[in-house]
Amino acid sequence: MAETQTPSQTPSQSPASASTTHTPVPDERPVYAAMQRKLTEAFAPITLTIRDESYKHSGHMGYMGDDAETHFVLTIVSERFEGMSRLDRQRAIHKALKDELATSIHALAIRASAPSDTKG
């Protein structure tokens, strides 16, 4: 089960008792919700953290208001990244999020790893 962290940090339990946090209502955060859904479908992540940092860019050129979802930090661990280079992992993520990158996301920082990357 993927662990998803949101700015609200409201804990809840899934049926499998995996640690998860509150997921925003899609109508309130459509870009976030689409990212979460597409990344989960594409990579079946062990860990998925999507952090919206759009608020940090208030006043910057291209800032689209307080409700805009434009700047994200993504941390994902997936077995599907085994044997892939860092560049190939980022390309795969960009492919999964191609619609959001073309229309909504202005900046996306990616930390993608395979489970074996984190083993000592």
PDB file of N, CA and C in Angstrom:
ATOM      1  N   MET A   1       0.849  -1.181   0.000  1.00  0.00           N
ATOM      2  CA  MET A   1       0.000   0.000   0.000  1.00  0.00           C
ATOM      3  C   MET A   1       0.888   1.235   0.000  1.00  0.00           C
ATOM      4  N   ALA A   2       0.567   2.186  -0.786  1.00  0.00           N
ATOM      5  CA  ALA A   2       1.368   3.408  -0.885  1.00  0.00           C
ATOM      6  C   ALA A   2       1.073   4.338   0.273  1.00  0.00           C
ATOM      7  N   GLU A   3       2.103   4.944   0.784  1.00  0.00           N
ATOM      8  CA  GLU A   3       1.926   5.968   1.801  1.00  0.00           C
ATOM      9  C   GLU A   3       1.891   7.305   1.093  1.00  0.00           C
ATOM     10  N   THR A   4       0.851   8.067   1.357  1.00  0.00           N
ATOM     11  CA  THR A   4       0.712   9.365   0.726  1.00  0.00           C
ATOM     12  C   THR A   4       0.648  10.414   1.808  1.00  0.00           C
ATOM     13  N   GLN A   5       1.458  11.436   1.685  1.00  0.00           N
ATOM     14  CA  GLN A   5       1.447  12.518   2.651  1.00  0.00           C
ATOM     15  C   GLN A   5       0.926  13.755   1.968  1.00  0.00           C
ATOM     16  N   THR A   6       0.063  14.462   2.662  1.00  0.00           N
ATOM     17  CA  THR A   6      -0.505  15.686   2.125  1.00  0.00           C
ATOM     18  C   THR A   6      -0.229  16.816   3.093  1.00  0.00           C
ATOM     19  N   PRO A   7      -0.397  18.059   2.659  1.00  0.00           N
ATOM     20  CA  PRO A   7      -0.162  19.179   3.569  1.00  0.00           C
ATOM     21  C   PRO A   7      -1.019  19.134   4.823  1.00  0.00           C
ATOM     22  N   SER A   8      -2.209  18.506   4.761  1.00  0.00           N
ATOM     23  CA  SER A   8      -3.090  18.482   5.929  1.00  0.00           C
ATOM     24  C   SER A   8      -2.606  17.521   7.008  1.00  0.00           C
ATOM     25  N   GLN A   9      -1.855  16.469   6.615  1.00  0.00           N
ATOM     26  CA  GLN A   9      -1.288  15.504   7.556  1.00  0.00           C
ATOM     27  C   GLN A   9      -2.328  14.920   8.513  1.00  0.00           C
ATOM     28  N   THR A  10      -3.528  14.636   8.029  1.00  0.00           N
ATOM     29  CA  THR A  10      -4.566  14.033   8.846  1.00  0.00           C
ATOM     30  C   THR A  10      -4.477  12.522   8.717  1.00  0.00           C
ATOM     31  N   PRO A  11      -4.120  11.790   9.799  1.00  0.00           N
ATOM     32  CA  PRO A  11      -3.944  10.348   9.690  1.00  0.00           C
ATOM     33  C   PRO A  11      -5.269   9.606   9.517  1.00  0.00           C
ATOM     34  N   SER A  12      -5.205   8.488   8.818  1.00  0.00           N
ATOM     35  CA  SER A  12      -6.330   7.572   8.713  1.00  0.00           C
ATOM     36  C   SER A  12      -5.750   6.192   8.469  1.00  0.00           C
ATOM     37  N   GLN A  13      -6.563   5.169   8.573  1.00  0.00           N
ATOM     38  CA  GLN A  13      -6.097   3.810   8.332  1.00  0.00           C
ATOM     39  C   GLN A  13      -6.813   3.226   7.127  1.00  0.00           C
ATOM     40  N   SER A  14      -6.090   2.535   6.290  1.00  0.00           N
ATOM     41  CA  SER A  14      -6.685   1.851   5.155  1.00  0.00           C
ATOM     42  C   SER A  14      -7.170   0.490   5.630  1.00  0.00           C
ATOM     43  N   PRO A  15      -7.963  -0.191   4.816  1.00  0.00           N
ATOM     44  CA  PRO A  15      -8.430  -1.520   5.211  1.00  0.00           C
ATOM     45  C   PRO A  15      -7.289  -2.485   5.490  1.00  0.00           C
ATOM     46  N   ALA A  16      -6.159  -2.315   4.834  1.00  0.00           N
ATOM     47  CA  ALA A  16      -5.020  -3.208   5.048  1.00  0.00           C
ATOM     48  C   ALA A  16      -4.161  -2.766   6.228  1.00  0.00           C
ATOM     49  N   SER A  17      -4.612  -1.769   6.975  1.00  0.00           N
ATOM     50  CA  SER A  17      -3.909  -1.224   8.133  1.00  0.00           C
ATOM     51  C   SER A  17      -2.570  -0.599   7.777  1.00  0.00           C
ATOM     52  N   ALA A  18      -2.390  -0.228   6.542  1.00  0.00           N
ATOM     53  CA  ALA A  18      -1.167   0.477   6.150  1.00  0.00           C
ATOM     54  C   ALA A  18      -1.278   1.921   6.596  1.00  0.00           C
ATOM     55  N   SER A  19      -0.150   2.522   6.871  1.00  0.00           N
ATOM     56  CA  SER A  19      -0.135   3.910   7.308  1.00  0.00           C
ATOM     57  C   SER A  19      -0.385   4.822   6.122  1.00  0.00           C
ATOM     58  N   THR A  20      -1.446   5.599   6.184  1.00  0.00           N
ATOM     59  CA  THR A  20      -1.747   6.563   5.135  1.00  0.00           C
ATOM     60  C   THR A  20      -2.187   7.860   5.788  1.00  0.00           C
ATOM     61  N   THR A  21      -2.348   8.879   4.999  1.00  0.00           N
ATOM     62  CA  THR A  21      -2.854  10.143   5.503  1.00  0.00           C
ATOM     63  C   THR A  21      -4.014  10.591   4.641  1.00  0.00           C
ATOM     64  N   HIS A  22      -4.721  11.590   5.112  1.00  0.00           N
ATOM     65  CA  HIS A  22      -5.900  12.104   4.425  1.00  0.00           C
ATOM     66  C   HIS A  22      -5.570  12.509   2.996  1.00  0.00           C
ATOM     67  N   THR A  23      -6.419  12.113   2.074  1.00  0.00           N
ATOM     68  CA  THR A  23      -6.272  12.505   0.683  1.00  0.00           C
ATOM     69  C   THR A  23      -7.239  13.642   0.405  1.00  0.00           C
ATOM     70  N   PRO A  24      -6.767  14.730  -0.187  1.00  0.00           N
ATOM     71  CA  PRO A  24      -7.657  15.848  -0.471  1.00  0.00           C
ATOM     72  C   PRO A  24      -8.780  15.438  -1.410  1.00  0.00           C
ATOM     73  N   VAL A  25      -9.921  16.091  -1.286  1.00  0.00           N
ATOM     74  CA  VAL A  25     -11.039  15.870  -2.183  1.00  0.00           C
ATOM     75  C   VAL A  25     -10.603  16.315  -3.579  1.00  0.00           C
ATOM     76  N   PRO A  26     -10.793  15.467  -4.610  1.00  0.00           N
ATOM     77  CA  PRO A  26     -10.320  15.819  -5.949  1.00  0.00           C
ATOM     78  C   PRO A  26     -10.810  17.171  -6.454  1.00  0.00           C
ATOM     79  N   ASP A  27     -12.026  17.564  -6.113  1.00  0.00           N
ATOM     80  CA  ASP A  27     -12.535  18.857  -6.567  1.00  0.00           C
ATOM     81  C   ASP A  27     -11.737  20.008  -5.971  1.00  0.00           C
ATOM     82  N   GLU A  28     -11.162  19.800  -4.783  1.00  0.00           N
ATOM     83  CA  GLU A  28     -10.390  20.845  -4.123  1.00  0.00           C
ATOM     84  C   GLU A  28      -8.960  20.907  -4.650  1.00  0.00           C
ATOM     85  N   ARG A  29      -8.394  19.790  -5.018  1.00  0.00           N
ATOM     86  CA  ARG A  29      -6.989  19.698  -5.441  1.00  0.00           C
ATOM     87  C   ARG A  29      -6.880  18.778  -6.651  1.00  0.00           C
ATOM     88  N   PRO A  30      -7.407  19.188  -7.794  1.00  0.00           N
ATOM     89  CA  PRO A  30      -7.462  18.273  -8.942  1.00  0.00           C
ATOM     90  C   PRO A  30      -6.096  17.839  -9.474  1.00  0.00           C
ATOM     91  N   VAL A  31      -5.107  18.704  -9.467  1.00  0.00           N
ATOM     92  CA  VAL A  31      -3.787  18.326  -9.979  1.00  0.00           C
ATOM     93  C   VAL A  31      -3.148  17.312  -9.038  1.00  0.00           C
ATOM     94  N   TYR A  32      -3.201  17.586  -7.745  1.00  0.00           N
ATOM     95  CA  TYR A  32      -2.671  16.660  -6.742  1.00  0.00           C
ATOM     96  C   TYR A  32      -3.336  15.294  -6.880  1.00  0.00           C
ATOM     97  N   ALA A  33      -4.665  15.288  -6.969  1.00  0.00           N
ATOM     98  CA  ALA A  33      -5.410  14.031  -7.057  1.00  0.00           C
ATOM     99  C   ALA A  33      -5.042  13.263  -8.325  1.00  0.00           C
ATOM    100  N   ALA A  34      -4.902  13.959  -9.438  1.00  0.00           N
ATOM    101  CA  ALA A  34      -4.523  13.301 -10.690  1.00  0.00           C
ATOM    102  C   ALA A  34      -3.116  12.719 -10.589  1.00  0.00           C
ATOM    103  N   MET A  35      -2.199  13.468  -9.985  1.00  0.00           N
ATOM    104  CA  MET A  35      -0.835  12.970  -9.806  1.00  0.00           C
ATOM    105  C   MET A  35      -0.832  11.702  -8.963  1.00  0.00           C
ATOM    106  N   GLN A  36      -1.546  11.739  -7.857  1.00  0.00           N
ATOM    107  CA  GLN A  36      -1.596  10.591  -6.956  1.00  0.00           C
ATOM    108  C   GLN A  36      -2.156   9.366  -7.677  1.00  0.00           C
ATOM    109  N   ARG A  37      -3.248   9.545  -8.401  1.00  0.00           N
ATOM    110  CA  ARG A  37      -3.893   8.438  -9.104  1.00  0.00           C
ATOM    111  C   ARG A  37      -2.976   7.874 -10.193  1.00  0.00           C
ATOM    112  N   LYS A  38      -2.423   8.732 -11.016  1.00  0.00           N
ATOM    113  CA  LYS A  38      -1.601   8.277 -12.138  1.00  0.00           C
ATOM    114  C   LYS A  38      -0.304   7.613 -11.680  1.00  0.00           C
ATOM    115  N   LEU A  39       0.328   8.162 -10.667  1.00  0.00           N
ATOM    116  CA  LEU A  39       1.569   7.566 -10.162  1.00  0.00           C
ATOM    117  C   LEU A  39       1.303   6.226  -9.490  1.00  0.00           C
ATOM    118  N   THR A  40       0.191   6.125  -8.780  1.00  0.00           N
ATOM    119  CA  THR A  40      -0.173   4.863  -8.137  1.00  0.00           C
ATOM    120  C   THR A  40      -0.461   3.798  -9.190  1.00  0.00           C
ATOM    121  N   GLU A  41      -1.206   4.170 -10.227  1.00  0.00           N
ATOM    122  CA  GLU A  41      -1.517   3.215 -11.298  1.00  0.00           C
ATOM    123  C   GLU A  41      -0.266   2.798 -12.070  1.00  0.00           C
ATOM    124  N   ALA A  42       0.607   3.730 -12.355  1.00  0.00           N
ATOM    125  CA  ALA A  42       1.782   3.448 -13.184  1.00  0.00           C
ATOM    126  C   ALA A  42       2.883   2.692 -12.451  1.00  0.00           C
ATOM    127  N   PHE A  43       3.044   2.964 -11.144  1.00  0.00           N
ATOM    128  CA  PHE A  43       4.218   2.446 -10.445  1.00  0.00           C
ATOM    129  C   PHE A  43       3.932   1.589  -9.218  1.00  0.00           C
ATOM    130  N   ALA A  44       2.673   1.460  -8.792  1.00  0.00           N
ATOM    131  CA  ALA A  44       2.348   0.689  -7.590  1.00  0.00           C
ATOM    132  C   ALA A  44       3.384   0.960  -6.495  1.00  0.00           C
ATOM    133  N   PRO A  45       3.538   2.219  -6.100  1.00  0.00           N
ATOM    134  CA  PRO A  45       4.638   2.577  -5.202  1.00  0.00           C
ATOM    135  C   PRO A  45       4.522   1.978  -3.805  1.00  0.00           C
ATOM    136  N   ILE A  46       5.679   1.706  -3.240  1.00  0.00           N
ATOM    137  CA  ILE A  46       5.769   1.307  -1.840  1.00  0.00           C
ATOM    138  C   ILE A  46       5.587   2.554  -0.985  1.00  0.00           C
ATOM    139  N   THR A  47       6.206   3.633  -1.410  1.00  0.00           N
ATOM    140  CA  THR A  47       6.069   4.931  -0.755  1.00  0.00           C
ATOM    141  C   THR A  47       5.823   5.983  -1.825  1.00  0.00           C
ATOM    142  N   LEU A  48       4.860   6.856  -1.557  1.00  0.00           N
ATOM    143  CA  LEU A  48       4.565   7.960  -2.458  1.00  0.00           C
ATOM    144  C   LEU A  48       4.276   9.188  -1.613  1.00  0.00           C
ATOM    145  N   THR A  49       5.096  10.201  -1.767  1.00  0.00           N
ATOM    146  CA  THR A  49       4.885  11.462  -1.068  1.00  0.00           C
ATOM    147  C   THR A  49       4.850  12.566  -2.113  1.00  0.00           C
ATOM    148  N   ILE A  50       3.750  13.296  -2.124  1.00  0.00           N
ATOM    149  CA  ILE A  50       3.592  14.422  -3.034  1.00  0.00           C
ATOM    150  C   ILE A  50       3.420  15.656  -2.164  1.00  0.00           C
ATOM    151  N   ARG A  51       4.332  16.586  -2.289  1.00  0.00           N
ATOM    152  CA  ARG A  51       4.260  17.812  -1.479  1.00  0.00           C
ATOM    153  C   ARG A  51       4.029  19.004  -2.410  1.00  0.00           C
ATOM    154  N   ASP A  52       2.935  19.696  -2.181  1.00  0.00           N
ATOM    155  CA  ASP A  52       2.602  20.877  -2.971  1.00  0.00           C
ATOM    156  C   ASP A  52       3.310  22.073  -2.344  1.00  0.00           C
ATOM    157  N   GLU A  53       4.231  22.662  -3.080  1.00  0.00           N
ATOM    158  CA  GLU A  53       4.973  23.823  -2.590  1.00  0.00           C
ATOM    159  C   GLU A  53       4.631  25.077  -3.387  1.00  0.00           C
ATOM    160  N   SER A  54       3.464  25.090  -3.992  1.00  0.00           N
ATOM    161  CA  SER A  54       3.045  26.225  -4.814  1.00  0.00           C
ATOM    162  C   SER A  54       3.017  27.518  -4.015  1.00  0.00           C
ATOM    163  N   TYR A  55       2.620  27.435  -2.759  1.00  0.00           N
ATOM    164  CA  TYR A  55       2.512  28.623  -1.909  1.00  0.00           C
ATOM    165  C   TYR A  55       3.854  29.346  -1.749  1.00  0.00           C
ATOM    166  N   LYS A  56       4.954  28.634  -1.911  1.00  0.00           N
ATOM    167  CA  LYS A  56       6.282  29.242  -1.764  1.00  0.00           C
ATOM    168  C   LYS A  56       6.635  30.157  -2.932  1.00  0.00           C
ATOM    169  N   HIS A  57       5.829  30.118  -3.965  1.00  0.00           N
ATOM    170  CA  HIS A  57       6.156  30.851  -5.184  1.00  0.00           C
ATOM    171  C   HIS A  57       5.219  32.019  -5.436  1.00  0.00           C
ATOM    172  N   SER A  58       4.537  32.446  -4.391  1.00  0.00           N
ATOM    173  CA  SER A  58       3.658  33.612  -4.477  1.00  0.00           C
ATOM    174  C   SER A  58       4.459  34.825  -4.934  1.00  0.00           C
ATOM    175  N   GLY A  59       3.941  35.530  -5.926  1.00  0.00           N
ATOM    176  CA  GLY A  59       4.611  36.721  -6.419  1.00  0.00           C
ATOM    177  C   GLY A  59       5.606  36.474  -7.530  1.00  0.00           C
ATOM    178  N   HIS A  60       5.965  35.208  -7.766  1.00  0.00           N
ATOM    179  CA  HIS A  60       6.890  34.896  -8.857  1.00  0.00           C
ATOM    180  C   HIS A  60       6.178  35.025 -10.193  1.00  0.00           C
ATOM    181  N   MET A  61       6.941  35.262 -11.230  1.00  0.00           N
ATOM    182  CA  MET A  61       6.377  35.318 -12.569  1.00  0.00           C
ATOM    183  C   MET A  61       5.657  34.007 -12.874  1.00  0.00           C
ATOM    184  N   GLY A  62       4.465  34.101 -13.377  1.00  0.00           N
ATOM    185  CA  GLY A  62       3.687  32.919 -13.682  1.00  0.00           C
ATOM    186  C   GLY A  62       2.835  32.440 -12.525  1.00  0.00           C
ATOM    187  N   TYR A  63       2.926  33.094 -11.354  1.00  0.00           N
ATOM    188  CA  TYR A  63       2.111  32.703 -10.204  1.00  0.00           C
ATOM    189  C   TYR A  63       0.645  32.855 -10.572  1.00  0.00           C
ATOM    190  N   MET A  64      -0.141  31.828 -10.308  1.00  0.00           N
ATOM    191  CA  MET A  64      -1.520  31.794 -10.778  1.00  0.00           C
ATOM    192  C   MET A  64      -2.542  31.903  -9.653  1.00  0.00           C
ATOM    193  N   GLY A  65      -2.158  32.416  -8.496  1.00  0.00           N
ATOM    194  CA  GLY A  65      -3.093  32.590  -7.395  1.00  0.00           C
ATOM    195  C   GLY A  65      -2.924  31.548  -6.316  1.00  0.00           C
ATOM    196  N   ASP A  66      -3.572  31.796  -5.178  1.00  0.00           N
ATOM    197  CA  ASP A  66      -3.417  30.937  -4.007  1.00  0.00           C
ATOM    198  C   ASP A  66      -3.928  29.514  -4.217  1.00  0.00           C
ATOM    199  N   ASP A  67      -4.866  29.320  -5.134  1.00  0.00           N
ATOM    200  CA  ASP A  67      -5.422  27.986  -5.361  1.00  0.00           C
ATOM    201  C   ASP A  67      -4.673  27.194  -6.425  1.00  0.00           C
ATOM    202  N   ALA A  68      -3.710  27.821  -7.076  1.00  0.00           N
ATOM    203  CA  ALA A  68      -2.983  27.153  -8.157  1.00  0.00           C
ATOM    204  C   ALA A  68      -2.107  26.030  -7.612  1.00  0.00           C
ATOM    205  N   GLU A  69      -2.047  24.951  -8.352  1.00  0.00           N
ATOM    206  CA  GLU A  69      -1.189  23.814  -8.022  1.00  0.00           C
ATOM    207  C   GLU A  69      -0.122  23.747  -9.109  1.00  0.00           C
ATOM    208  N   THR A  70       1.030  24.322  -8.832  1.00  0.00           N
ATOM    209  CA  THR A  70       2.037  24.468  -9.878  1.00  0.00           C
ATOM    210  C   THR A  70       3.415  23.918  -9.524  1.00  0.00           C
ATOM    211  N   HIS A  71       3.752  23.834  -8.248  1.00  0.00           N
ATOM    212  CA  HIS A  71       5.096  23.435  -7.817  1.00  0.00           C
ATOM    213  C   HIS A  71       4.991  22.250  -6.850  1.00  0.00           C
ATOM    214  N   PHE A  72       5.640  21.145  -7.211  1.00  0.00           N
ATOM    215  CA  PHE A  72       5.544  19.936  -6.396  1.00  0.00           C
ATOM    216  C   PHE A  72       6.914  19.317  -6.162  1.00  0.00           C
ATOM    217  N   VAL A  73       7.011  18.620  -5.026  1.00  0.00           N
ATOM    218  CA  VAL A  73       8.166  17.777  -4.724  1.00  0.00           C
ATOM    219  C   VAL A  73       7.618  16.362  -4.596  1.00  0.00           C
ATOM    220  N   LEU A  74       8.175  15.447  -5.359  1.00  0.00           N
ATOM    221  CA  LEU A  74       7.700  14.073  -5.414  1.00  0.00           C
ATOM    222  C   LEU A  74       8.788  13.133  -4.912  1.00  0.00           C
ATOM    223  N   THR A  75       8.427  12.288  -3.955  1.00  0.00           N
ATOM    224  CA  THR A  75       9.311  11.216  -3.502  1.00  0.00           C
ATOM    225  C   THR A  75       8.557   9.915  -3.711  1.00  0.00           C
ATOM    226  N   ILE A  76       9.159   9.004  -4.447  1.00  0.00           N
ATOM    227  CA  ILE A  76       8.488   7.749  -4.779  1.00  0.00           C
ATOM    228  C   ILE A  76       9.486   6.601  -4.729  1.00  0.00           C
ATOM    229  N   VAL A  77       9.061   5.494  -4.120  1.00  0.00           N
ATOM    230  CA  VAL A  77       9.848   4.263  -4.096  1.00  0.00           C
ATOM    231  C   VAL A  77       8.982   3.191  -4.737  1.00  0.00           C
ATOM    232  N   SER A  78       9.510   2.544  -5.763  1.00  0.00           N
ATOM    233  CA  SER A  78       8.750   1.521  -6.476  1.00  0.00           C
ATOM    234  C   SER A  78       9.677   0.421  -6.968  1.00  0.00           C
ATOM    235  N   GLU A  79       9.192  -0.806  -6.900  1.00  0.00           N
ATOM    236  CA  GLU A  79       9.951  -1.930  -7.442  1.00  0.00           C
ATOM    237  C   GLU A  79      10.103  -1.804  -8.954  1.00  0.00           C
ATOM    238  N   ARG A  80       9.210  -1.072  -9.592  1.00  0.00           N
ATOM    239  CA  ARG A  80       9.285  -0.901 -11.048  1.00  0.00           C
ATOM    240  C   ARG A  80      10.495  -0.075 -11.478  1.00  0.00           C
ATOM    241  N   PHE A  81      11.157   0.563 -10.527  1.00  0.00           N
ATOM    242  CA  PHE A  81      12.355   1.341 -10.847  1.00  0.00           C
ATOM    243  C   PHE A  81      13.633   0.504 -10.780  1.00  0.00           C
ATOM    244  N   GLU A  82      13.516  -0.760 -10.352  1.00  0.00           N
ATOM    245  CA  GLU A  82      14.694  -1.638 -10.279  1.00  0.00           C
ATOM    246  C   GLU A  82      15.343  -1.729 -11.658  1.00  0.00           C
ATOM    247  N   GLY A  83      16.640  -1.551 -11.712  1.00  0.00           N
ATOM    248  CA  GLY A  83      17.384  -1.668 -12.953  1.00  0.00           C
ATOM    249  C   GLY A  83      17.290  -0.466 -13.879  1.00  0.00           C
ATOM    250  N   MET A  84      16.542   0.551 -13.480  1.00  0.00           N
ATOM    251  CA  MET A  84      16.405   1.755 -14.302  1.00  0.00           C
ATOM    252  C   MET A  84      17.387   2.819 -13.829  1.00  0.00           C
ATOM    253  N   SER A  85      17.927   3.562 -14.765  1.00  0.00           N
ATOM    254  CA  SER A  85      18.790   4.685 -14.403  1.00  0.00           C
ATOM    255  C   SER A  85      17.934   5.807 -13.820  1.00  0.00           C
ATOM    256  N   ARG A  86      18.591   6.738 -13.183  1.00  0.00           N
ATOM    257  CA  ARG A  86      17.890   7.899 -12.620  1.00  0.00           C
ATOM    258  C   ARG A  86      17.133   8.648 -13.723  1.00  0.00           C
ATOM    259  N   LEU A  87      17.774   8.813 -14.856  1.00  0.00           N
ATOM    260  CA  LEU A  87      17.151   9.514 -15.976  1.00  0.00           C
ATOM    261  C   LEU A  87      15.928   8.758 -16.500  1.00  0.00           C
ATOM    262  N   ASP A  88      16.030   7.439 -16.626  1.00  0.00           N
ATOM    263  CA  ASP A  88      14.894   6.645 -17.096  1.00  0.00           C
ATOM    264  C   ASP A  88      13.728   6.689 -16.113  1.00  0.00           C
ATOM    265  N   ARG A  89      14.025   6.728 -14.823  1.00  0.00           N
ATOM    266  CA  ARG A  89      12.960   6.857 -13.818  1.00  0.00           C
ATOM    267  C   ARG A  89      12.234   8.182 -13.990  1.00  0.00           C
ATOM    268  N   GLN A  90      12.995   9.245 -14.156  1.00  0.00           N
ATOM    269  CA  GLN A  90      12.380  10.562 -14.330  1.00  0.00           C
ATOM    270  C   GLN A  90      11.582  10.629 -15.623  1.00  0.00           C
ATOM    271  N   ARG A  91      12.089  10.029 -16.678  1.00  0.00           N
ATOM    272  CA  ARG A  91      11.343   9.992 -17.943  1.00  0.00           C
ATOM    273  C   ARG A  91      10.023   9.244 -17.779  1.00  0.00           C
ATOM    274  N   ALA A  92      10.048   8.133 -17.054  1.00  0.00           N
ATOM    275  CA  ALA A  92       8.829   7.354 -16.832  1.00  0.00           C
ATOM    276  C   ALA A  92       7.801   8.165 -16.037  1.00  0.00           C
ATOM    277  N   ILE A  93       8.265   8.896 -15.041  1.00  0.00           N
ATOM    278  CA  ILE A  93       7.367   9.741 -14.244  1.00  0.00           C
ATOM    279  C   ILE A  93       6.807  10.863 -15.110  1.00  0.00           C
ATOM    280  N   HIS A  94       7.650  11.484 -15.900  1.00  0.00           N
ATOM    281  CA  HIS A  94       7.182  12.544 -16.802  1.00  0.00           C
ATOM    282  C   HIS A  94       6.139  12.004 -17.777  1.00  0.00           C
ATOM    283  N   LYS A  95       6.342  10.792 -18.267  1.00  0.00           N
ATOM    284  CA  LYS A  95       5.370  10.181 -19.181  1.00  0.00           C
ATOM    285  C   LYS A  95       4.034   9.970 -18.474  1.00  0.00           C
ATOM    286  N   ALA A  96       4.073   9.491 -17.235  1.00  0.00           N
ATOM    287  CA  ALA A  96       2.836   9.258 -16.482  1.00  0.00           C
ATOM    288  C   ALA A  96       2.090  10.560 -16.198  1.00  0.00           C
ATOM    289  N   LEU A  97       2.833  11.650 -16.038  1.00  0.00           N
ATOM    290  CA  LEU A  97       2.234  12.945 -15.687  1.00  0.00           C
ATOM    291  C   LEU A  97       2.241  13.925 -16.864  1.00  0.00           C
ATOM    292  N   LYS A  98       2.301  13.415 -18.081  1.00  0.00           N
ATOM    293  CA  LYS A  98       2.460  14.286 -19.255  1.00  0.00           C
ATOM    294  C   LYS A  98       1.363  15.341 -19.369  1.00  0.00           C
ATOM    295  N   ASP A  99       0.117  14.996 -19.078  1.00  0.00           N
ATOM    296  CA  ASP A  99      -0.975  15.975 -19.194  1.00  0.00           C
ATOM    297  C   ASP A  99      -0.823  17.101 -18.175  1.00  0.00           C
ATOM    298  N   GLU A 100      -0.505  16.743 -16.936  1.00  0.00           N
ATOM    299  CA  GLU A 100      -0.342  17.745 -15.883  1.00  0.00           C
ATOM    300  C   GLU A 100       0.879  18.629 -16.146  1.00  0.00           C
ATOM    301  N   LEU A 101       1.945  18.038 -16.650  1.00  0.00           N
ATOM    302  CA  LEU A 101       3.147  18.816 -16.963  1.00  0.00           C
ATOM    303  C   LEU A 101       2.898  19.779 -18.124  1.00  0.00           C
ATOM    304  N   ALA A 102       2.022  19.404 -19.028  1.00  0.00           N
ATOM    305  CA  ALA A 102       1.723  20.259 -20.180  1.00  0.00           C
ATOM    306  C   ALA A 102       0.775  21.401 -19.834  1.00  0.00           C
ATOM    307  N   THR A 103      -0.030  21.219 -18.781  1.00  0.00           N
ATOM    308  CA  THR A 103      -1.071  22.214 -18.506  1.00  0.00           C
ATOM    309  C   THR A 103      -0.970  22.906 -17.158  1.00  0.00           C
ATOM    310  N   SER A 104      -0.527  22.226 -16.125  1.00  0.00           N
ATOM    311  CA  SER A 104      -0.639  22.758 -14.765  1.00  0.00           C
ATOM    312  C   SER A 104       0.676  22.882 -14.018  1.00  0.00           C
ATOM    313  N   ILE A 105       1.495  21.853 -14.076  1.00  0.00           N
ATOM    314  CA  ILE A 105       2.711  21.808 -13.265  1.00  0.00           C
ATOM    315  C   ILE A 105       3.801  22.660 -13.901  1.00  0.00           C
ATOM    316  N   HIS A 106       4.296  23.602 -13.119  1.00  0.00           N
ATOM    317  CA  HIS A 106       5.382  24.476 -13.567  1.00  0.00           C
ATOM    318  C   HIS A 106       6.741  23.916 -13.136  1.00  0.00           C
ATOM    319  N   ALA A 107       6.779  23.287 -11.958  1.00  0.00           N
ATOM    320  CA  ALA A 107       8.031  22.735 -11.435  1.00  0.00           C
ATOM    321  C   ALA A 107       7.748  21.435 -10.699  1.00  0.00           C
ATOM    322  N   LEU A 108       8.579  20.427 -10.960  1.00  0.00           N
ATOM    323  CA  LEU A 108       8.427  19.128 -10.318  1.00  0.00           C
ATOM    324  C   LEU A 108       9.812  18.607  -9.949  1.00  0.00           C
ATOM    325  N   ALA A 109      10.085  18.557  -8.651  1.00  0.00           N
ATOM    326  CA  ALA A 109      11.327  17.961  -8.154  1.00  0.00           C
ATOM    327  C   ALA A 109      11.038  16.488  -7.894  1.00  0.00           C
ATOM    328  N   ILE A 110      11.888  15.609  -8.403  1.00  0.00           N
ATOM    329  CA  ILE A 110      11.636  14.170  -8.324  1.00  0.00           C
ATOM    330  C   ILE A 110      12.760  13.473  -7.579  1.00  0.00           C
ATOM    331  N   ARG A 111      12.357  12.663  -6.597  1.00  0.00           N
ATOM    332  CA  ARG A 111      13.269  11.741  -5.917  1.00  0.00           C
ATOM    333  C   ARG A 111      12.667  10.353  -6.108  1.00  0.00           C
ATOM    334  N   ALA A 112      13.158   9.624  -7.088  1.00  0.00           N
ATOM    335  CA  ALA A 112      12.616   8.304  -7.416  1.00  0.00           C
ATOM    336  C   ALA A 112      13.660   7.242  -7.119  1.00  0.00           C
ATOM    337  N   SER A 113      13.247   6.205  -6.402  1.00  0.00           N
ATOM    338  CA  SER A 113      14.193   5.146  -6.078  1.00  0.00           C
ATOM    339  C   SER A 113      13.509   3.791  -6.080  1.00  0.00           C
ATOM    340  N   ALA A 114      14.329   2.768  -6.180  1.00  0.00           N
ATOM    341  CA  ALA A 114      13.885   1.388  -6.058  1.00  0.00           C
ATOM    342  C   ALA A 114      14.168   0.944  -4.627  1.00  0.00           C
ATOM    343  N   PRO A 115      13.468  -0.079  -4.144  1.00  0.00           N
ATOM    344  CA  PRO A 115      13.718  -0.541  -2.773  1.00  0.00           C
ATOM    345  C   PRO A 115      15.183  -0.894  -2.519  1.00  0.00           C
ATOM    346  N   SER A 116      15.856  -1.453  -3.502  1.00  0.00           N
ATOM    347  CA  SER A 116      17.263  -1.837  -3.311  1.00  0.00           C
ATOM    348  C   SER A 116      18.185  -0.632  -3.169  1.00  0.00           C
ATOM    349  N   ASP A 117      17.744   0.538  -3.625  1.00  0.00           N
ATOM    350  CA  ASP A 117      18.553   1.752  -3.497  1.00  0.00           C
ATOM    351  C   ASP A 117      18.700   2.182  -2.044  1.00  0.00           C
ATOM    352  N   THR A 118      17.723   1.849  -1.224  1.00  0.00           N
ATOM    353  CA  THR A 118      17.713   2.315   0.161  1.00  0.00           C
ATOM    354  C   THR A 118      18.285   1.291   1.132  1.00  0.00           C
ATOM    355  N   LYS A 119      18.618   0.105   0.631  1.00  0.00           N
ATOM    356  CA  LYS A 119      19.187  -0.927   1.502  1.00  0.00           C
ATOM    357  C   LYS A 119      20.674  -0.682   1.675  1.00  0.00           C
ATOM    358  N   GLY A 120      21.135  -0.870   2.934  1.00  0.00           N
ATOM    359  CA  GLY A 120      22.517  -0.609   3.291  1.00  0.00           C
ATOM    360  C   GLY A 120      23.470  -1.463   2.602  1.00  0.00           C
TER     361      GLY A 120
END
